[in-house]
Amino acid sequence: MTVDQLSEEEECVLVNAREMSPLWSVVADWTRGGDDAECSAVVPVFTEIIGRWERAGYVEVYRSDEWPAHEAGERLTGDVLEEALRRPSTWAYREGPPVIGLLAAADPRDV
């Protein structure tokens, strides 16, 4: 798959991963700052993409007390990641810890 073949949702994940964004930022970007109902409605789409891409090695997900999460945080994989992605609080906007953030792990041309 090339960058040109990405869905709009996948492109949103890629941009946020390159920016080391918290997961809540992915849905906020997608809904352009939409309300809680709009954000909640798109979470399953992004849960699927992030889970699939993490397993493929395209993105990494980290939990930390501060941003950027990958610098001092714990990498989430497997069942721990799946559980975190299913938890509504993972996707809720917050200014304090924990930060659950994305990191692009592969060259975007390899996605």
C-alpha atoms as a PDB file:
ATOM      1  CA  MET A   1       0.000   0.000   0.000  1.00  0.00           C
ATOM      2  CA  THR A   2       1.263   3.491  -0.768  1.00  0.00           C
ATOM      3  CA  VAL A   3       0.401   6.776   0.891  1.00  0.00           C
ATOM      4  CA  ASP A   4      -1.782   7.574  -2.124  1.00  0.00           C
ATOM      5  CA  GLN A   5      -3.859   4.458  -1.400  1.00  0.00           C
ATOM      6  CA  LEU A   6      -4.682   5.365   2.208  1.00  0.00           C
ATOM      7  CA  SER A   7      -8.260   6.030   3.220  1.00  0.00           C
ATOM      8  CA  GLU A   8      -8.938   9.470   4.667  1.00  0.00           C
ATOM      9  CA  GLU A   9      -9.186   7.902   8.134  1.00  0.00           C
ATOM     10  CA  GLU A  10      -5.828   6.143   7.693  1.00  0.00           C
ATOM     11  CA  GLU A  11      -4.253   9.396   6.534  1.00  0.00           C
ATOM     12  CA  CYS A  12      -5.582  11.070   9.702  1.00  0.00           C
ATOM     13  CA  VAL A  13      -3.902   8.362  11.814  1.00  0.00           C
ATOM     14  CA  LEU A  14      -0.638   8.741   9.894  1.00  0.00           C
ATOM     15  CA  VAL A  15      -0.562  12.534  10.311  1.00  0.00           C
ATOM     16  CA  ASN A  16      -1.271  12.238  14.029  1.00  0.00           C
ATOM     17  CA  ALA A  17       1.347   9.507  14.457  1.00  0.00           C
ATOM     18  CA  ARG A  18       3.965  11.689  12.772  1.00  0.00           C
ATOM     19  CA  GLU A  19       3.005  14.484  15.190  1.00  0.00           C
ATOM     20  CA  MET A  20       3.249  12.110  18.203  1.00  0.00           C
ATOM     21  CA  SER A  21      -0.344  13.051  19.070  1.00  0.00           C
ATOM     22  CA  PRO A  22      -2.433  11.738  21.937  1.00  0.00           C
ATOM     23  CA  LEU A  23      -5.228   9.434  20.758  1.00  0.00           C
ATOM     24  CA  TRP A  24      -7.943  11.929  21.684  1.00  0.00           C
ATOM     25  CA  SER A  25      -6.399  14.245  19.095  1.00  0.00           C
ATOM     26  CA  VAL A  26      -7.051  11.738  16.293  1.00  0.00           C
ATOM     27  CA  VAL A  27     -10.813  11.846  16.793  1.00  0.00           C
ATOM     28  CA  ALA A  28     -10.781  15.578  17.514  1.00  0.00           C
ATOM     29  CA  ASP A  29      -8.980  16.187  14.212  1.00  0.00           C
ATOM     30  CA  TRP A  30     -11.330  13.876  12.328  1.00  0.00           C
ATOM     31  CA  THR A  31     -14.480  15.515  13.727  1.00  0.00           C
ATOM     32  CA  ARG A  32     -12.897  18.980  13.604  1.00  0.00           C
ATOM     33  CA  GLY A  33     -13.425  19.405  17.322  1.00  0.00           C
ATOM     34  CA  GLY A  34     -16.827  17.763  17.351  1.00  0.00           C
ATOM     35  CA  ASP A  35     -18.871  17.046  20.422  1.00  0.00           C
ATOM     36  CA  ASP A  36     -18.588  13.899  22.537  1.00  0.00           C
ATOM     37  CA  ALA A  37     -21.212  12.022  20.520  1.00  0.00           C
ATOM     38  CA  GLU A  38     -19.456  12.711  17.212  1.00  0.00           C
ATOM     39  CA  CYS A  39     -16.096  11.690  18.652  1.00  0.00           C
ATOM     40  CA  SER A  40     -17.489   8.513  20.218  1.00  0.00           C
ATOM     41  CA  ALA A  41     -19.120   7.520  16.933  1.00  0.00           C
ATOM     42  CA  VAL A  42     -15.781   7.391  15.072  1.00  0.00           C
ATOM     43  CA  VAL A  43     -13.709   5.702  17.790  1.00  0.00           C
ATOM     44  CA  PRO A  44     -14.362   2.145  16.442  1.00  0.00           C
ATOM     45  CA  VAL A  45     -12.941   3.116  13.039  1.00  0.00           C
ATOM     46  CA  PHE A  46      -9.758   4.488  14.564  1.00  0.00           C
ATOM     47  CA  THR A  47      -9.501   1.628  17.069  1.00  0.00           C
ATOM     48  CA  GLU A  48      -9.433  -0.824  14.168  1.00  0.00           C
ATOM     49  CA  ILE A  49      -6.865   1.146  12.145  1.00  0.00           C
ATOM     50  CA  ILE A  50      -4.511   1.740  15.073  1.00  0.00           C
ATOM     51  CA  GLY A  51      -4.714  -1.880  16.241  1.00  0.00           C
ATOM     52  CA  ARG A  52      -4.058  -3.188  12.731  1.00  0.00           C
ATOM     53  CA  TRP A  53      -1.244  -0.726  12.077  1.00  0.00           C
ATOM     54  CA  GLU A  54       0.424  -1.422  15.431  1.00  0.00           C
ATOM     55  CA  ARG A  55       0.449  -5.166  14.662  1.00  0.00           C
ATOM     56  CA  ALA A  56       1.919  -4.394  11.210  1.00  0.00           C
ATOM     57  CA  GLY A  57       4.632  -2.177  12.705  1.00  0.00           C
ATOM     58  CA  TYR A  58       3.438   1.091  11.163  1.00  0.00           C
ATOM     59  CA  VAL A  59       2.644   2.848  14.467  1.00  0.00           C
ATOM     60  CA  GLU A  60       3.503   2.437  18.124  1.00  0.00           C
ATOM     61  CA  VAL A  61       1.292   3.426  21.051  1.00  0.00           C
ATOM     62  CA  TYR A  62       2.681   4.620  24.381  1.00  0.00           C
ATOM     63  CA  ARG A  63       1.255   5.560  27.785  1.00  0.00           C
ATOM     64  CA  SER A  64       3.070   8.162  29.866  1.00  0.00           C
ATOM     65  CA  ASP A  65       2.537  10.860  32.451  1.00  0.00           C
ATOM     66  CA  GLU A  66       3.563  13.515  29.938  1.00  0.00           C
ATOM     67  CA  TRP A  67       3.693  14.323  26.235  1.00  0.00           C
ATOM     68  CA  PRO A  68       5.344  13.125  24.078  1.00  0.00           C
ATOM     69  CA  ALA A  69       4.367   9.741  25.473  1.00  0.00           C
ATOM     70  CA  HIS A  70       7.067   7.739  23.708  1.00  0.00           C
ATOM     71  CA  GLU A  71       9.968   9.517  25.409  1.00  0.00           C
ATOM     72  CA  ALA A  72       9.431   8.234  28.941  1.00  0.00           C
ATOM     73  CA  GLY A  73       6.390   6.055  28.510  1.00  0.00           C
ATOM     74  CA  GLU A  74       5.499   2.414  28.349  1.00  0.00           C
ATOM     75  CA  ARG A  75       4.813   0.900  24.942  1.00  0.00           C
ATOM     76  CA  LEU A  76       1.387  -0.709  24.700  1.00  0.00           C
ATOM     77  CA  THR A  77       1.067  -3.897  22.661  1.00  0.00           C
ATOM     78  CA  GLY A  78      -1.102  -7.004  22.451  1.00  0.00           C
ATOM     79  CA  ASP A  79      -3.940  -7.395  24.928  1.00  0.00           C
ATOM     80  CA  VAL A  80      -2.876  -4.291  26.893  1.00  0.00           C
ATOM     81  CA  LEU A  81      -3.205  -2.161  23.767  1.00  0.00           C
ATOM     82  CA  GLU A  82      -6.509  -3.779  22.771  1.00  0.00           C
ATOM     83  CA  GLU A  83      -7.942  -3.067  26.225  1.00  0.00           C
ATOM     84  CA  ALA A  84      -6.704   0.540  26.158  1.00  0.00           C
ATOM     85  CA  LEU A  85      -8.224   1.132  22.710  1.00  0.00           C
ATOM     86  CA  ARG A  86     -11.598  -0.207  23.930  1.00  0.00           C
ATOM     87  CA  ARG A  87     -11.632   2.079  26.984  1.00  0.00           C
ATOM     88  CA  PRO A  88     -13.648   5.289  26.351  1.00  0.00           C
ATOM     89  CA  SER A  89     -11.323   7.306  28.606  1.00  0.00           C
ATOM     90  CA  THR A  90      -8.449   6.598  26.196  1.00  0.00           C
ATOM     91  CA  TRP A  91     -10.190   8.732  23.576  1.00  0.00           C
ATOM     92  CA  ALA A  92     -11.462  11.488  25.901  1.00  0.00           C
ATOM     93  CA  TYR A  93      -9.818  14.906  25.805  1.00  0.00           C
ATOM     94  CA  ARG A  94      -7.639  15.576  28.818  1.00  0.00           C
ATOM     95  CA  GLU A  95      -4.900  18.005  29.732  1.00  0.00           C
ATOM     96  CA  GLY A  96      -3.319  15.832  32.400  1.00  0.00           C
ATOM     97  CA  PRO A  97      -1.955  12.314  32.682  1.00  0.00           C
ATOM     98  CA  PRO A  98      -2.075   9.748  31.435  1.00  0.00           C
ATOM     99  CA  VAL A  99      -1.157  10.574  27.867  1.00  0.00           C
ATOM    100  CA  ILE A 100      -1.780   7.739  25.427  1.00  0.00           C
ATOM    101  CA  GLY A 101      -0.017   8.731  22.258  1.00  0.00           C
ATOM    102  CA  LEU A 102       0.898   7.557  18.794  1.00  0.00           C
ATOM    103  CA  LEU A 103       4.293   7.412  17.157  1.00  0.00           C
ATOM    104  CA  ALA A 104       4.964   6.674  13.497  1.00  0.00           C
ATOM    105  CA  ALA A 105       7.170   3.588  13.484  1.00  0.00           C
ATOM    106  CA  ALA A 106       7.658   3.161   9.757  1.00  0.00           C
ATOM    107  CA  ASP A 107       8.520   5.295   6.806  1.00  0.00           C
ATOM    108  CA  PRO A 108       5.125   6.476   5.486  1.00  0.00           C
ATOM    109  CA  ARG A 109       6.046   5.172   2.057  1.00  0.00           C
ATOM    110  CA  ASP A 110       5.971   1.685   3.610  1.00  0.00           C
ATOM    111  CA  VAL A 111       2.455   1.969   5.009  1.00  0.00           C
END
